[in-house]
Amino acid sequence: MGSLYSEVATWLHRWSAGLKLLLLAVFGTLLFLIASPWVLAGCGAACLLLWISLGQATQVARRLMRSVIVAALLVAGFHVLMGNPVLAAVSSLRLVCASTLGIVLTVTTRPSDLVEVLEWLLAPLARLGIPTERVAMQLALMLRFTEHFFVQWKKLDEAYRLRTGKSGGLRLIAPLTIHMLQATRRVADALWARLGF
């Protein structure tokens, strides 16, 4: 399965996965508690500096980031048409900032490190009889399939662009769905054969 993790070492690669997850949770929550577009604009500038500081490590996720920006512009445009420019600025800035933080975490953290943190966080639930290993595995698979979705989308779009000279857009939905279903089946078969679930 494809991954957005970058092997290009950066200063953020040296931080532990647990610390990065904690900071993501804290700053992500703060973003939705802030209502001032000016403060959120400052947060956006900070996220931009964070992105730039990672240099070539962000290469694997730049197309995804462009998609986030397009989505933010669409959200902003909708709110402007509805006559609420302040909400347009707040909503789009929150989306871009939160997405940037999430993508930065994905680019600079190995999936296996994230799984270890999830297992540690879920460990107390084992006393209640909850199969924490399976829950951690399910959460890890969710993260991996989210990554895989965007990696496959990028590959299909690049292949389509080579053939036609333009972006695939909505034409990629059908082949992307087939790829994802095939990947899901392969992973399910592997889990059943090796782990029994």
N, C-alpha and C. Protein backbone atom coordinates (compact mmCIF):
# COMPACT_ATOMS: atom_id res chain seq x y z
N MET A 1 0.83 -1.19 0.00
CA MET A 1 0.00 0.00 0.00
C MET A 1 0.87 1.25 0.00
N GLY A 2 0.42 2.29 -0.70
CA GLY A 2 1.17 3.53 -0.77
C GLY A 2 1.14 4.27 0.56
N SER A 3 2.13 5.14 0.74
CA SER A 3 2.22 5.91 1.98
C SER A 3 2.66 7.32 1.67
N LEU A 4 2.22 8.27 2.50
CA LEU A 4 2.64 9.65 2.38
C LEU A 4 3.86 9.95 3.25
N TYR A 5 4.35 8.93 3.98
CA TYR A 5 5.52 9.15 4.82
C TYR A 5 6.74 9.45 3.94
N SER A 6 7.51 10.44 4.34
CA SER A 6 8.69 10.84 3.57
C SER A 6 9.96 10.36 4.27
N GLU A 7 10.84 9.75 3.49
CA GLU A 7 12.13 9.30 4.01
C GLU A 7 13.14 10.45 4.09
N VAL A 8 12.79 11.61 3.53
CA VAL A 8 13.67 12.77 3.62
C VAL A 8 13.65 13.29 5.05
N ALA A 9 14.77 13.19 5.73
CA ALA A 9 14.83 13.54 7.16
C ALA A 9 14.66 15.04 7.38
N THR A 10 13.84 15.40 8.35
CA THR A 10 13.65 16.79 8.75
C THR A 10 13.76 16.89 10.27
N TRP A 11 13.74 18.11 10.77
CA TRP A 11 13.80 18.31 12.22
C TRP A 11 12.61 17.67 12.92
N LEU A 12 11.47 17.60 12.23
CA LEU A 12 10.27 17.06 12.86
C LEU A 12 10.28 15.53 12.90
N HIS A 13 11.08 14.91 12.04
CA HIS A 13 11.22 13.45 12.08
C HIS A 13 11.81 12.99 13.42
N ARG A 14 12.58 13.86 14.06
CA ARG A 14 13.25 13.48 15.31
C ARG A 14 12.31 13.54 16.52
N TRP A 15 11.16 14.15 16.36
CA TRP A 15 10.19 14.22 17.46
C TRP A 15 9.45 12.89 17.55
N SER A 16 9.06 12.53 18.76
CA SER A 16 8.35 11.26 18.95
C SER A 16 6.93 11.34 18.39
N ALA A 17 6.40 10.20 17.98
CA ALA A 17 5.05 10.15 17.43
C ALA A 17 4.02 10.58 18.48
N GLY A 18 4.25 10.19 19.73
CA GLY A 18 3.32 10.56 20.80
C GLY A 18 3.24 12.06 21.00
N LEU A 19 4.39 12.73 20.99
CA LEU A 19 4.41 14.18 21.16
C LEU A 19 3.71 14.87 19.99
N LYS A 20 3.97 14.39 18.79
CA LYS A 20 3.33 15.01 17.62
C LYS A 20 1.81 14.80 17.63
N LEU A 21 1.37 13.62 18.04
CA LEU A 21 -0.07 13.38 18.16
C LEU A 21 -0.70 14.29 19.22
N LEU A 22 -0.01 14.46 20.34
CA LEU A 22 -0.52 15.33 21.40
C LEU A 22 -0.64 16.77 20.91
N LEU A 23 0.40 17.26 20.25
CA LEU A 23 0.37 18.62 19.74
C LEU A 23 -0.71 18.80 18.68
N LEU A 24 -0.90 17.78 17.84
CA LEU A 24 -1.96 17.84 16.83
C LEU A 24 -3.32 17.94 17.50
N ALA A 25 -3.53 17.14 18.55
CA ALA A 25 -4.81 17.18 19.26
C ALA A 25 -5.04 18.54 19.91
N VAL A 26 -4.00 19.09 20.54
CA VAL A 26 -4.13 20.38 21.24
C VAL A 26 -4.39 21.51 20.25
N PHE A 27 -3.52 21.62 19.24
CA PHE A 27 -3.66 22.71 18.28
C PHE A 27 -4.90 22.55 17.41
N GLY A 28 -5.25 21.31 17.08
CA GLY A 28 -6.47 21.07 16.31
C GLY A 28 -7.71 21.52 17.07
N THR A 29 -7.72 21.26 18.38
CA THR A 29 -8.85 21.70 19.21
C THR A 29 -8.89 23.22 19.31
N LEU A 30 -7.72 23.84 19.49
CA LEU A 30 -7.66 25.30 19.60
C LEU A 30 -8.17 25.98 18.33
N LEU A 31 -7.89 25.37 17.19
CA LEU A 31 -8.35 25.96 15.93
C LEU A 31 -9.87 26.13 15.92
N PHE A 32 -10.58 25.18 16.50
CA PHE A 32 -12.04 25.23 16.48
C PHE A 32 -12.61 26.01 17.66
N LEU A 33 -11.73 26.48 18.56
CA LEU A 33 -12.17 27.36 19.64
C LEU A 33 -11.94 28.83 19.29
N ILE A 34 -11.12 29.06 18.27
CA ILE A 34 -10.81 30.42 17.84
C ILE A 34 -11.85 30.87 16.82
N ALA A 35 -12.43 32.05 17.06
CA ALA A 35 -13.47 32.56 16.15
C ALA A 35 -13.00 33.77 15.35
N SER A 36 -11.84 34.33 15.71
CA SER A 36 -11.35 35.53 15.03
C SER A 36 -10.64 35.16 13.73
N PRO A 37 -11.07 35.70 12.59
CA PRO A 37 -10.37 35.40 11.33
C PRO A 37 -8.94 35.90 11.33
N TRP A 38 -8.66 36.98 12.09
CA TRP A 38 -7.30 37.51 12.12
C TRP A 38 -6.36 36.58 12.88
N VAL A 39 -6.84 36.04 13.98
CA VAL A 39 -6.02 35.08 14.73
C VAL A 39 -5.81 33.81 13.90
N LEU A 40 -6.87 33.37 13.21
CA LEU A 40 -6.75 32.19 12.36
C LEU A 40 -5.81 32.45 11.18
N ALA A 41 -5.80 33.69 10.69
CA ALA A 41 -4.85 34.04 9.63
C ALA A 41 -3.42 33.91 10.14
N GLY A 42 -3.20 34.31 11.40
CA GLY A 42 -1.88 34.12 12.01
C GLY A 42 -1.53 32.64 12.13
N CYS A 43 -2.53 31.83 12.49
CA CYS A 43 -2.32 30.37 12.56
C CYS A 43 -1.97 29.82 11.18
N GLY A 44 -2.65 30.36 10.16
CA GLY A 44 -2.36 29.93 8.79
C GLY A 44 -0.94 30.27 8.39
N ALA A 45 -0.47 31.45 8.78
CA ALA A 45 0.91 31.85 8.48
C ALA A 45 1.90 30.92 9.20
N ALA A 46 1.57 30.55 10.44
CA ALA A 46 2.43 29.63 11.19
C ALA A 46 2.48 28.26 10.52
N CYS A 47 1.32 27.79 10.04
CA CYS A 47 1.27 26.50 9.34
C CYS A 47 2.07 26.55 8.05
N LEU A 48 2.02 27.69 7.36
CA LEU A 48 2.79 27.85 6.13
C LEU A 48 4.29 27.78 6.43
N LEU A 49 4.72 28.44 7.49
CA LEU A 49 6.13 28.38 7.88
C LEU A 49 6.54 26.95 8.26
N LEU A 50 5.65 26.25 8.96
CA LEU A 50 5.92 24.85 9.31
C LEU A 50 6.09 24.01 8.06
N TRP A 51 5.20 24.20 7.08
CA TRP A 51 5.26 23.45 5.82
C TRP A 51 6.56 23.74 5.08
N ILE A 52 6.92 25.02 4.99
CA ILE A 52 8.14 25.41 4.28
C ILE A 52 9.37 24.84 4.97
N SER A 53 9.35 24.78 6.30
CA SER A 53 10.51 24.31 7.05
C SER A 53 10.84 22.85 6.78
N LEU A 54 9.87 22.10 6.26
CA LEU A 54 10.10 20.67 5.99
C LEU A 54 10.74 20.44 4.62
N GLY A 55 10.80 21.46 3.79
CA GLY A 55 11.50 21.37 2.52
C GLY A 55 10.99 20.27 1.60
N GLN A 56 11.93 19.47 1.07
CA GLN A 56 11.59 18.44 0.09
C GLN A 56 10.77 17.29 0.67
N ALA A 57 10.70 17.19 1.98
CA ALA A 57 9.92 16.11 2.60
C ALA A 57 8.44 16.23 2.25
N THR A 58 7.99 17.43 1.93
CA THR A 58 6.57 17.63 1.61
C THR A 58 6.24 17.29 0.16
N GLN A 59 7.25 16.92 -0.62
CA GLN A 59 7.03 16.63 -2.05
C GLN A 59 5.94 15.58 -2.25
N VAL A 60 5.91 14.56 -1.40
CA VAL A 60 4.96 13.45 -1.56
C VAL A 60 3.53 13.88 -1.30
N ALA A 61 3.34 15.02 -0.64
CA ALA A 61 1.99 15.43 -0.24
C ALA A 61 1.56 16.75 -0.85
N ARG A 62 2.32 17.27 -1.78
CA ARG A 62 1.99 18.60 -2.33
C ARG A 62 0.70 18.59 -3.14
N ARG A 63 0.47 17.54 -3.88
CA ARG A 63 -0.78 17.48 -4.64
C ARG A 63 -1.98 17.39 -3.70
N LEU A 64 -1.82 16.64 -2.62
CA LEU A 64 -2.88 16.56 -1.62
C LEU A 64 -3.13 17.93 -1.01
N MET A 65 -2.06 18.67 -0.74
CA MET A 65 -2.22 20.00 -0.15
C MET A 65 -2.92 20.94 -1.12
N ARG A 66 -2.63 20.81 -2.40
CA ARG A 66 -3.33 21.64 -3.39
C ARG A 66 -4.82 21.32 -3.39
N SER A 67 -5.15 20.05 -3.24
CA SER A 67 -6.57 19.65 -3.18
C SER A 67 -7.26 20.25 -1.96
N VAL A 68 -6.54 20.30 -0.84
CA VAL A 68 -7.09 20.91 0.38
C VAL A 68 -7.36 22.40 0.15
N ILE A 69 -6.43 23.07 -0.51
CA ILE A 69 -6.60 24.50 -0.78
C ILE A 69 -7.79 24.74 -1.69
N VAL A 70 -7.94 23.90 -2.71
CA VAL A 70 -9.11 24.02 -3.61
C VAL A 70 -10.40 23.83 -2.83
N ALA A 71 -10.43 22.82 -1.96
CA ALA A 71 -11.62 22.56 -1.14
C ALA A 71 -11.91 23.76 -0.23
N ALA A 72 -10.87 24.35 0.34
CA ALA A 72 -11.05 25.52 1.21
C ALA A 72 -11.61 26.70 0.43
N LEU A 73 -11.13 26.88 -0.79
CA LEU A 73 -11.65 27.97 -1.63
C LEU A 73 -13.11 27.75 -1.99
N LEU A 74 -13.49 26.50 -2.24
CA LEU A 74 -14.89 26.19 -2.53
C LEU A 74 -15.78 26.48 -1.32
N VAL A 75 -15.30 26.10 -0.14
CA VAL A 75 -16.04 26.37 1.10
C VAL A 75 -16.18 27.88 1.30
N ALA A 76 -15.07 28.60 1.09
CA ALA A 76 -15.11 30.06 1.25
C ALA A 76 -16.07 30.69 0.24
N GLY A 77 -16.00 30.22 -1.00
CA GLY A 77 -16.89 30.75 -2.03
C GLY A 77 -18.36 30.55 -1.70
N PHE A 78 -18.68 29.38 -1.16
CA PHE A 78 -20.07 29.09 -0.78
C PHE A 78 -20.56 30.07 0.28
N HIS A 79 -19.74 30.29 1.31
CA HIS A 79 -20.15 31.18 2.39
C HIS A 79 -20.23 32.64 1.93
N VAL A 80 -19.35 33.02 1.01
CA VAL A 80 -19.43 34.38 0.46
C VAL A 80 -20.73 34.56 -0.32
N LEU A 81 -21.09 33.56 -1.11
CA LEU A 81 -22.36 33.62 -1.85
C LEU A 81 -23.55 33.69 -0.91
N MET A 82 -23.42 33.07 0.26
CA MET A 82 -24.50 33.11 1.25
C MET A 82 -24.48 34.40 2.06
N GLY A 83 -23.53 35.29 1.75
CA GLY A 83 -23.48 36.59 2.39
C GLY A 83 -22.78 36.63 3.73
N ASN A 84 -21.86 35.69 3.97
CA ASN A 84 -21.17 35.66 5.26
C ASN A 84 -19.66 35.54 5.04
N PRO A 85 -19.00 36.64 4.68
CA PRO A 85 -17.56 36.58 4.39
C PRO A 85 -16.70 36.22 5.60
N VAL A 86 -17.14 36.61 6.80
CA VAL A 86 -16.37 36.28 8.00
C VAL A 86 -16.34 34.76 8.22
N LEU A 87 -17.52 34.13 8.08
CA LEU A 87 -17.59 32.67 8.21
C LEU A 87 -16.78 32.00 7.11
N ALA A 88 -16.75 32.62 5.92
CA ALA A 88 -15.96 32.08 4.81
C ALA A 88 -14.49 32.03 5.19
N ALA A 89 -13.99 33.13 5.76
CA ALA A 89 -12.58 33.18 6.15
C ALA A 89 -12.28 32.19 7.27
N VAL A 90 -13.15 32.16 8.29
CA VAL A 90 -12.93 31.28 9.44
C VAL A 90 -12.95 29.82 9.03
N SER A 91 -13.95 29.42 8.25
CA SER A 91 -14.10 28.01 7.85
C SER A 91 -12.93 27.55 6.98
N SER A 92 -12.57 28.37 5.99
CA SER A 92 -11.50 27.96 5.08
C SER A 92 -10.15 27.92 5.79
N LEU A 93 -9.90 28.88 6.67
CA LEU A 93 -8.62 28.88 7.41
C LEU A 93 -8.53 27.70 8.36
N ARG A 94 -9.63 27.38 9.02
CA ARG A 94 -9.63 26.20 9.90
C ARG A 94 -9.33 24.94 9.11
N LEU A 95 -9.97 24.80 7.95
CA LEU A 95 -9.77 23.61 7.12
C LEU A 95 -8.32 23.48 6.68
N VAL A 96 -7.75 24.58 6.19
CA VAL A 96 -6.37 24.54 5.71
C VAL A 96 -5.39 24.26 6.85
N CYS A 97 -5.58 24.93 7.99
CA CYS A 97 -4.67 24.74 9.12
C CYS A 97 -4.73 23.32 9.68
N ALA A 98 -5.95 22.83 9.91
CA ALA A 98 -6.11 21.48 10.46
C ALA A 98 -5.55 20.43 9.49
N SER A 99 -5.81 20.61 8.20
CA SER A 99 -5.31 19.66 7.20
C SER A 99 -3.80 19.70 7.12
N THR A 100 -3.23 20.89 7.19
CA THR A 100 -1.77 21.02 7.16
C THR A 100 -1.12 20.29 8.32
N LEU A 101 -1.67 20.46 9.52
CA LEU A 101 -1.13 19.78 10.69
C LEU A 101 -1.22 18.26 10.54
N GLY A 102 -2.36 17.78 10.04
CA GLY A 102 -2.53 16.34 9.85
C GLY A 102 -1.58 15.78 8.80
N ILE A 103 -1.42 16.51 7.70
CA ILE A 103 -0.52 16.05 6.64
C ILE A 103 0.93 16.06 7.12
N VAL A 104 1.30 17.09 7.86
CA VAL A 104 2.67 17.17 8.41
C VAL A 104 2.94 15.98 9.32
N LEU A 105 1.97 15.62 10.15
CA LEU A 105 2.12 14.44 11.01
C LEU A 105 2.34 13.19 10.17
N THR A 106 1.55 13.04 9.12
CA THR A 106 1.64 11.85 8.26
C THR A 106 2.97 11.78 7.52
N VAL A 107 3.44 12.92 7.05
CA VAL A 107 4.68 12.98 6.28
C VAL A 107 5.90 12.67 7.14
N THR A 108 5.84 13.05 8.42
CA THR A 108 7.04 12.95 9.27
C THR A 108 6.99 11.83 10.30
N THR A 109 5.95 10.99 10.26
CA THR A 109 5.81 9.93 11.26
C THR A 109 5.57 8.58 10.59
N ARG A 110 6.37 7.60 10.95
CA ARG A 110 6.16 6.25 10.40
C ARG A 110 4.83 5.68 10.89
N PRO A 111 4.09 5.00 10.01
CA PRO A 111 2.82 4.39 10.43
C PRO A 111 2.97 3.44 11.62
N SER A 112 4.08 2.69 11.65
CA SER A 112 4.30 1.76 12.76
C SER A 112 4.44 2.49 14.10
N ASP A 113 5.03 3.69 14.07
CA ASP A 113 5.16 4.48 15.30
C ASP A 113 3.80 4.95 15.79
N LEU A 114 2.94 5.32 14.84
CA LEU A 114 1.58 5.74 15.21
C LEU A 114 0.81 4.58 15.84
N VAL A 115 0.99 3.38 15.29
CA VAL A 115 0.30 2.20 15.83
C VAL A 115 0.75 1.95 17.27
N GLU A 116 2.04 2.07 17.53
CA GLU A 116 2.55 1.87 18.90
C GLU A 116 1.92 2.85 19.88
N VAL A 117 1.79 4.10 19.45
CA VAL A 117 1.17 5.11 20.32
C VAL A 117 -0.30 4.77 20.57
N LEU A 118 -1.00 4.35 19.51
CA LEU A 118 -2.42 3.98 19.66
C LEU A 118 -2.58 2.81 20.63
N GLU A 119 -1.70 1.81 20.50
CA GLU A 119 -1.77 0.66 21.41
C GLU A 119 -1.52 1.08 22.85
N TRP A 120 -0.59 1.99 23.06
CA TRP A 120 -0.30 2.48 24.41
C TRP A 120 -1.49 3.25 24.98
N LEU A 121 -2.12 4.08 24.15
CA LEU A 121 -3.28 4.86 24.60
C LEU A 121 -4.47 3.97 24.93
N LEU A 122 -4.61 2.88 24.18
CA LEU A 122 -5.76 1.99 24.37
C LEU A 122 -5.53 0.93 25.45
N ALA A 123 -4.29 0.80 25.91
CA ALA A 123 -3.95 -0.27 26.87
C ALA A 123 -4.87 -0.32 28.10
N PRO A 124 -5.25 0.81 28.71
CA PRO A 124 -6.14 0.72 29.89
C PRO A 124 -7.49 0.06 29.61
N LEU A 125 -7.94 0.11 28.35
CA LEU A 125 -9.24 -0.49 28.01
C LEU A 125 -9.19 -2.02 28.04
N ALA A 126 -7.98 -2.58 28.01
CA ALA A 126 -7.86 -4.05 28.04
C ALA A 126 -8.41 -4.62 29.34
N ARG A 127 -8.36 -3.83 30.42
CA ARG A 127 -8.89 -4.29 31.70
C ARG A 127 -10.41 -4.47 31.66
N LEU A 128 -11.05 -3.80 30.71
CA LEU A 128 -12.50 -3.92 30.56
C LEU A 128 -12.88 -5.03 29.60
N GLY A 129 -11.88 -5.77 29.14
CA GLY A 129 -12.15 -6.88 28.22
C GLY A 129 -12.21 -6.47 26.76
N ILE A 130 -11.84 -5.23 26.46
CA ILE A 130 -11.86 -4.76 25.07
C ILE A 130 -10.58 -5.21 24.38
N PRO A 131 -10.69 -5.85 23.21
CA PRO A 131 -9.49 -6.30 22.48
C PRO A 131 -8.74 -5.11 21.88
N THR A 132 -7.87 -4.52 22.68
CA THR A 132 -7.22 -3.27 22.26
C THR A 132 -6.33 -3.45 21.03
N GLU A 133 -5.75 -4.66 20.86
CA GLU A 133 -4.90 -4.88 19.69
C GLU A 133 -5.71 -4.74 18.41
N ARG A 134 -6.94 -5.27 18.44
CA ARG A 134 -7.78 -5.19 17.26
C ARG A 134 -8.25 -3.76 17.00
N VAL A 135 -8.57 -3.05 18.08
CA VAL A 135 -9.00 -1.66 17.93
C VAL A 135 -7.86 -0.82 17.35
N ALA A 136 -6.65 -1.03 17.88
CA ALA A 136 -5.49 -0.31 17.37
C ALA A 136 -5.23 -0.65 15.91
N MET A 137 -5.40 -1.93 15.57
CA MET A 137 -5.23 -2.35 14.18
C MET A 137 -6.25 -1.68 13.27
N GLN A 138 -7.49 -1.60 13.72
CA GLN A 138 -8.54 -0.97 12.91
C GLN A 138 -8.27 0.52 12.71
N LEU A 139 -7.83 1.19 13.77
CA LEU A 139 -7.49 2.61 13.64
C LEU A 139 -6.30 2.80 12.69
N ALA A 140 -5.31 1.91 12.82
CA ALA A 140 -4.14 2.00 11.95
C ALA A 140 -4.52 1.76 10.49
N LEU A 141 -5.41 0.79 10.27
CA LEU A 141 -5.87 0.53 8.90
C LEU A 141 -6.62 1.72 8.33
N MET A 142 -7.42 2.37 9.17
CA MET A 142 -8.13 3.56 8.71
C MET A 142 -7.15 4.64 8.25
N LEU A 143 -6.10 4.85 9.04
CA LEU A 143 -5.08 5.84 8.67
C LEU A 143 -4.37 5.43 7.39
N ARG A 144 -4.02 4.14 7.28
CA ARG A 144 -3.28 3.67 6.11
C ARG A 144 -4.13 3.75 4.84
N PHE A 145 -5.42 3.41 4.97
CA PHE A 145 -6.28 3.47 3.78
C PHE A 145 -6.54 4.91 3.36
N THR A 146 -6.57 5.83 4.32
CA THR A 146 -6.70 7.24 3.97
C THR A 146 -5.49 7.68 3.16
N GLU A 147 -4.31 7.30 3.63
CA GLU A 147 -3.08 7.59 2.88
C GLU A 147 -3.13 6.95 1.50
N HIS A 148 -3.48 5.66 1.48
CA HIS A 148 -3.48 4.89 0.24
C HIS A 148 -4.44 5.50 -0.78
N PHE A 149 -5.57 6.01 -0.30
CA PHE A 149 -6.54 6.64 -1.19
C PHE A 149 -5.89 7.79 -1.97
N PHE A 150 -5.20 8.67 -1.25
CA PHE A 150 -4.61 9.83 -1.91
C PHE A 150 -3.41 9.45 -2.77
N VAL A 151 -2.65 8.44 -2.34
CA VAL A 151 -1.52 7.98 -3.15
C VAL A 151 -2.01 7.40 -4.47
N GLN A 152 -3.06 6.56 -4.41
CA GLN A 152 -3.62 5.98 -5.63
C GLN A 152 -4.23 7.04 -6.53
N TRP A 153 -4.90 8.00 -5.93
CA TRP A 153 -5.49 9.10 -6.69
C TRP A 153 -4.40 9.85 -7.45
N LYS A 154 -3.27 10.10 -6.77
CA LYS A 154 -2.16 10.80 -7.40
C LYS A 154 -1.61 9.99 -8.57
N LYS A 155 -1.42 8.67 -8.37
CA LYS A 155 -0.88 7.83 -9.43
C LYS A 155 -1.81 7.78 -10.64
N LEU A 156 -3.11 7.61 -10.39
CA LEU A 156 -4.07 7.56 -11.49
C LEU A 156 -4.13 8.88 -12.23
N ASP A 157 -4.07 9.98 -11.50
CA ASP A 157 -4.13 11.30 -12.13
C ASP A 157 -2.89 11.55 -12.98
N GLU A 158 -1.73 11.12 -12.48
CA GLU A 158 -0.50 11.29 -13.26
C GLU A 158 -0.54 10.45 -14.53
N ALA A 159 -1.04 9.21 -14.42
CA ALA A 159 -1.15 8.35 -15.60
C ALA A 159 -2.11 8.95 -16.63
N TYR A 160 -3.23 9.47 -16.16
CA TYR A 160 -4.21 10.08 -17.06
C TYR A 160 -3.64 11.34 -17.71
N ARG A 161 -2.88 12.10 -16.93
CA ARG A 161 -2.29 13.33 -17.46
C ARG A 161 -1.25 13.03 -18.54
N LEU A 162 -0.50 11.92 -18.36
CA LEU A 162 0.49 11.53 -19.37
C LEU A 162 -0.18 11.15 -20.68
N ARG A 163 -1.36 10.50 -20.58
CA ARG A 163 -2.06 10.08 -21.79
C ARG A 163 -2.80 11.21 -22.49
N THR A 164 -3.38 12.11 -21.70
CA THR A 164 -4.27 13.12 -22.29
C THR A 164 -3.77 14.56 -22.17
N GLY A 165 -2.81 14.79 -21.28
CA GLY A 165 -2.32 16.14 -21.10
C GLY A 165 -3.14 16.99 -20.14
N LYS A 166 -4.13 16.40 -19.49
CA LYS A 166 -4.95 17.15 -18.54
C LYS A 166 -5.32 16.27 -17.35
N SER A 167 -5.80 16.91 -16.30
CA SER A 167 -6.14 16.19 -15.08
C SER A 167 -7.35 15.29 -15.27
N GLY A 168 -7.37 14.17 -14.54
CA GLY A 168 -8.47 13.22 -14.69
C GLY A 168 -9.77 13.67 -14.05
N GLY A 169 -9.67 14.39 -12.92
CA GLY A 169 -10.87 14.88 -12.25
C GLY A 169 -11.83 13.77 -11.85
N LEU A 170 -13.11 13.99 -12.12
CA LEU A 170 -14.14 13.02 -11.73
C LEU A 170 -14.06 11.71 -12.52
N ARG A 171 -13.35 11.71 -13.64
CA ARG A 171 -13.21 10.49 -14.43
C ARG A 171 -12.45 9.40 -13.67
N LEU A 172 -11.73 9.79 -12.63
CA LEU A 172 -10.92 8.84 -11.88
C LEU A 172 -11.70 8.11 -10.80
N ILE A 173 -12.94 8.51 -10.56
CA ILE A 173 -13.71 7.92 -9.46
C ILE A 173 -13.88 6.42 -9.63
N ALA A 174 -14.28 5.98 -10.84
CA ALA A 174 -14.51 4.55 -11.07
C ALA A 174 -13.24 3.72 -10.91
N PRO A 175 -12.13 4.06 -11.62
CA PRO A 175 -10.92 3.25 -11.43
C PRO A 175 -10.36 3.34 -10.01
N LEU A 176 -10.51 4.50 -9.36
CA LEU A 176 -10.04 4.64 -7.99
C LEU A 176 -10.83 3.74 -7.05
N THR A 177 -12.14 3.67 -7.26
CA THR A 177 -12.99 2.80 -6.44
C THR A 177 -12.58 1.34 -6.60
N ILE A 178 -12.32 0.93 -7.85
CA ILE A 178 -11.90 -0.45 -8.11
C ILE A 178 -10.57 -0.75 -7.41
N HIS A 179 -9.61 0.17 -7.51
CA HIS A 179 -8.31 -0.01 -6.85
C HIS A 179 -8.48 -0.16 -5.34
N MET A 180 -9.32 0.69 -4.76
CA MET A 180 -9.50 0.66 -3.31
C MET A 180 -10.19 -0.63 -2.86
N LEU A 181 -11.17 -1.09 -3.63
CA LEU A 181 -11.86 -2.34 -3.29
C LEU A 181 -10.90 -3.53 -3.39
N GLN A 182 -10.05 -3.52 -4.43
CA GLN A 182 -9.07 -4.60 -4.58
C GLN A 182 -8.07 -4.59 -3.41
N ALA A 183 -7.62 -3.39 -3.03
CA ALA A 183 -6.68 -3.29 -1.91
C ALA A 183 -7.33 -3.75 -0.61
N THR A 184 -8.59 -3.38 -0.43
CA THR A 184 -9.32 -3.80 0.77
C THR A 184 -9.44 -5.31 0.84
N ARG A 185 -9.74 -5.92 -0.29
CA ARG A 185 -9.87 -7.39 -0.32
C ARG A 185 -8.54 -8.07 -0.02
N ARG A 186 -7.46 -7.55 -0.58
CA ARG A 186 -6.14 -8.14 -0.33
C ARG A 186 -5.76 -8.04 1.14
N VAL A 187 -6.01 -6.88 1.73
CA VAL A 187 -5.68 -6.69 3.15
C VAL A 187 -6.54 -7.59 4.02
N ALA A 188 -7.83 -7.69 3.69
CA ALA A 188 -8.74 -8.55 4.46
C ALA A 188 -8.30 -10.01 4.40
N ASP A 189 -7.93 -10.46 3.20
CA ASP A 189 -7.46 -11.85 3.05
C ASP A 189 -6.18 -12.08 3.86
N ALA A 190 -5.27 -11.10 3.83
CA ALA A 190 -4.01 -11.24 4.57
C ALA A 190 -4.25 -11.29 6.07
N LEU A 191 -5.16 -10.44 6.56
CA LEU A 191 -5.47 -10.43 7.99
C LEU A 191 -6.11 -11.74 8.42
N TRP A 192 -6.99 -12.26 7.57
CA TRP A 192 -7.66 -13.53 7.90
C TRP A 192 -6.66 -14.68 7.93
N ALA A 193 -5.75 -14.69 6.96
CA ALA A 193 -4.78 -15.79 6.87
C ALA A 193 -3.76 -15.74 8.02
N ARG A 194 -3.34 -14.54 8.40
CA ARG A 194 -2.26 -14.43 9.39
C ARG A 194 -2.76 -14.27 10.82
N LEU A 195 -3.85 -13.55 10.99
CA LEU A 195 -4.29 -13.22 12.35
C LEU A 195 -5.63 -13.82 12.72
N GLY A 196 -6.37 -14.32 11.75
CA GLY A 196 -7.66 -14.93 12.04
C GLY A 196 -8.79 -13.94 12.21
N PHE A 197 -8.60 -12.68 11.74
CA PHE A 197 -9.71 -11.71 11.77
C PHE A 197 -9.57 -10.72 10.64
